């Protein structure tokens, strides 16, 4: 894992699609631009959801770890 300054961590373990993404969106909306959010998820659908979300938004998926649970996403607020 690369070293990023994590401004906030959001643990969505146990939540099913689409809740991990919805909670991440809410958290990002409350953050300042360029802040970094670490999301922890156990829902396998989050792999697709977070990639699609960051591709279609001004947020940047800096890194993701999806080879085993929990899945971890590092997102920089756009």
C-alpha atoms as a PDB file:
ATOM      1  CA  UNK A   1       0.000   0.000   0.000  1.00  0.00           C
ATOM      2  CA  UNK A   2       1.345   3.394  -0.933  1.00  0.00           C
ATOM      3  CA  UNK A   3       1.484   6.049   1.723  1.00  0.00           C
ATOM      4  CA  UNK A   4      -1.258   8.623   1.493  1.00  0.00           C
ATOM      5  CA  UNK A   5      -2.308  11.089   4.128  1.00  0.00           C
ATOM      6  CA  UNK A   6      -5.766   9.797   4.980  1.00  0.00           C
ATOM      7  CA  UNK A   7      -8.087  12.564   6.147  1.00  0.00           C
ATOM      8  CA  UNK A   8     -11.044  10.308   6.935  1.00  0.00           C
ATOM      9  CA  UNK A   9     -11.751   6.579   7.093  1.00  0.00           C
ATOM     10  CA  UNK A  10     -15.178   5.150   6.369  1.00  0.00           C
ATOM     11  CA  UNK A  11     -15.888   1.539   7.344  1.00  0.00           C
ATOM     12  CA  UNK A  12     -18.866   0.178   5.412  1.00  0.00           C
ATOM     13  CA  UNK A  13     -18.194  -3.459   6.299  1.00  0.00           C
ATOM     14  CA  UNK A  14     -21.362  -5.543   6.290  1.00  0.00           C
ATOM     15  CA  UNK A  15     -23.314  -3.105   4.114  1.00  0.00           C
ATOM     16  CA  UNK A  16     -24.614  -4.264   0.743  1.00  0.00           C
ATOM     17  CA  UNK A  17     -24.770  -2.412  -2.554  1.00  0.00           C
ATOM     18  CA  UNK A  18     -25.468   0.484  -2.986  1.00  0.00           C
ATOM     19  CA  UNK A  19     -24.890   1.584   0.628  1.00  0.00           C
ATOM     20  CA  UNK A  20     -21.050   1.595   0.614  1.00  0.00           C
ATOM     21  CA  UNK A  21     -21.024   3.961  -2.371  1.00  0.00           C
ATOM     22  CA  UNK A  22     -23.834   6.149  -1.012  1.00  0.00           C
ATOM     23  CA  UNK A  23     -22.074   6.556   2.333  1.00  0.00           C
ATOM     24  CA  UNK A  24     -18.809   7.344   0.544  1.00  0.00           C
ATOM     25  CA  UNK A  25     -20.544  10.006  -1.559  1.00  0.00           C
ATOM     26  CA  UNK A  26     -21.991  11.584   1.600  1.00  0.00           C
ATOM     27  CA  UNK A  27     -18.582  11.597   3.267  1.00  0.00           C
ATOM     28  CA  UNK A  28     -16.878  13.099   0.198  1.00  0.00           C
ATOM     29  CA  UNK A  29     -19.510  15.853  -0.006  1.00  0.00           C
ATOM     30  CA  UNK A  30     -18.576  16.952   3.524  1.00  0.00           C
ATOM     31  CA  UNK A  31     -14.836  16.991   2.824  1.00  0.00           C
ATOM     32  CA  UNK A  32     -12.665  19.783   1.473  1.00  0.00           C
ATOM     33  CA  UNK A  33     -11.248  19.539  -2.041  1.00  0.00           C
ATOM     34  CA  UNK A  34      -8.061  17.407  -2.275  1.00  0.00           C
ATOM     35  CA  UNK A  35      -8.789  15.599   1.007  1.00  0.00           C
ATOM     36  CA  UNK A  36      -8.419  11.832   0.998  1.00  0.00           C
ATOM     37  CA  UNK A  37     -11.029   9.270   2.017  1.00  0.00           C
ATOM     38  CA  UNK A  38     -10.260   5.634   2.789  1.00  0.00           C
ATOM     39  CA  UNK A  39     -13.266   3.349   2.343  1.00  0.00           C
ATOM     40  CA  UNK A  40     -13.381  -0.197   3.693  1.00  0.00           C
ATOM     41  CA  UNK A  41     -16.064  -2.454   2.213  1.00  0.00           C
ATOM     42  CA  UNK A  42     -17.018  -6.129   2.195  1.00  0.00           C
ATOM     43  CA  UNK A  43     -19.532  -6.029  -0.667  1.00  0.00           C
ATOM     44  CA  UNK A  44     -18.034  -7.441  -3.872  1.00  0.00           C
ATOM     45  CA  UNK A  45     -20.256  -5.088  -5.920  1.00  0.00           C
ATOM     46  CA  UNK A  46     -18.254  -2.188  -4.554  1.00  0.00           C
ATOM     47  CA  UNK A  47     -15.391  -3.089  -6.884  1.00  0.00           C
ATOM     48  CA  UNK A  48     -17.468  -2.121  -9.909  1.00  0.00           C
ATOM     49  CA  UNK A  49     -19.303   0.729  -8.155  1.00  0.00           C
ATOM     50  CA  UNK A  50     -16.292   2.695  -6.938  1.00  0.00           C
ATOM     51  CA  UNK A  51     -14.461   2.423 -10.261  1.00  0.00           C
ATOM     52  CA  UNK A  52     -17.507   3.630 -12.215  1.00  0.00           C
ATOM     53  CA  UNK A  53     -18.201   6.414  -9.714  1.00  0.00           C
ATOM     54  CA  UNK A  54     -14.682   7.857  -9.814  1.00  0.00           C
ATOM     55  CA  UNK A  55     -14.510   7.510 -13.610  1.00  0.00           C
ATOM     56  CA  UNK A  56     -17.671   9.622 -13.922  1.00  0.00           C
ATOM     57  CA  UNK A  57     -16.884  12.222 -11.254  1.00  0.00           C
ATOM     58  CA  UNK A  58     -14.144  14.700 -10.486  1.00  0.00           C
ATOM     59  CA  UNK A  59     -12.918  12.468  -7.624  1.00  0.00           C
ATOM     60  CA  UNK A  60      -9.776  10.397  -8.139  1.00  0.00           C
ATOM     61  CA  UNK A  61      -9.412   6.734  -7.192  1.00  0.00           C
ATOM     62  CA  UNK A  62      -5.810   6.820  -6.025  1.00  0.00           C
ATOM     63  CA  UNK A  63      -5.591   3.168  -5.151  1.00  0.00           C
ATOM     64  CA  UNK A  64      -7.787   0.141  -4.550  1.00  0.00           C
ATOM     65  CA  UNK A  65      -7.151  -3.233  -2.994  1.00  0.00           C
ATOM     66  CA  UNK A  66      -9.734  -5.709  -4.206  1.00  0.00           C
ATOM     67  CA  UNK A  67      -7.892  -9.026  -4.227  1.00  0.00           C
ATOM     68  CA  UNK A  68      -9.387 -10.077  -0.872  1.00  0.00           C
ATOM     69  CA  UNK A  69     -11.884  -8.857   1.716  1.00  0.00           C
ATOM     70  CA  UNK A  70     -12.107  -6.313   3.025  1.00  0.00           C
ATOM     71  CA  UNK A  71     -11.895  -4.213  -0.105  1.00  0.00           C
ATOM     72  CA  UNK A  72     -10.127  -0.879   0.372  1.00  0.00           C
ATOM     73  CA  UNK A  73     -10.459   2.256  -1.753  1.00  0.00           C
ATOM     74  CA  UNK A  74      -8.398   5.430  -1.427  1.00  0.00           C
ATOM     75  CA  UNK A  75     -10.238   8.372  -3.006  1.00  0.00           C
ATOM     76  CA  UNK A  76      -9.113  11.982  -3.352  1.00  0.00           C
ATOM     77  CA  UNK A  77     -11.947  14.494  -3.330  1.00  0.00           C
ATOM     78  CA  UNK A  78     -12.148  16.495  -6.546  1.00  0.00           C
END
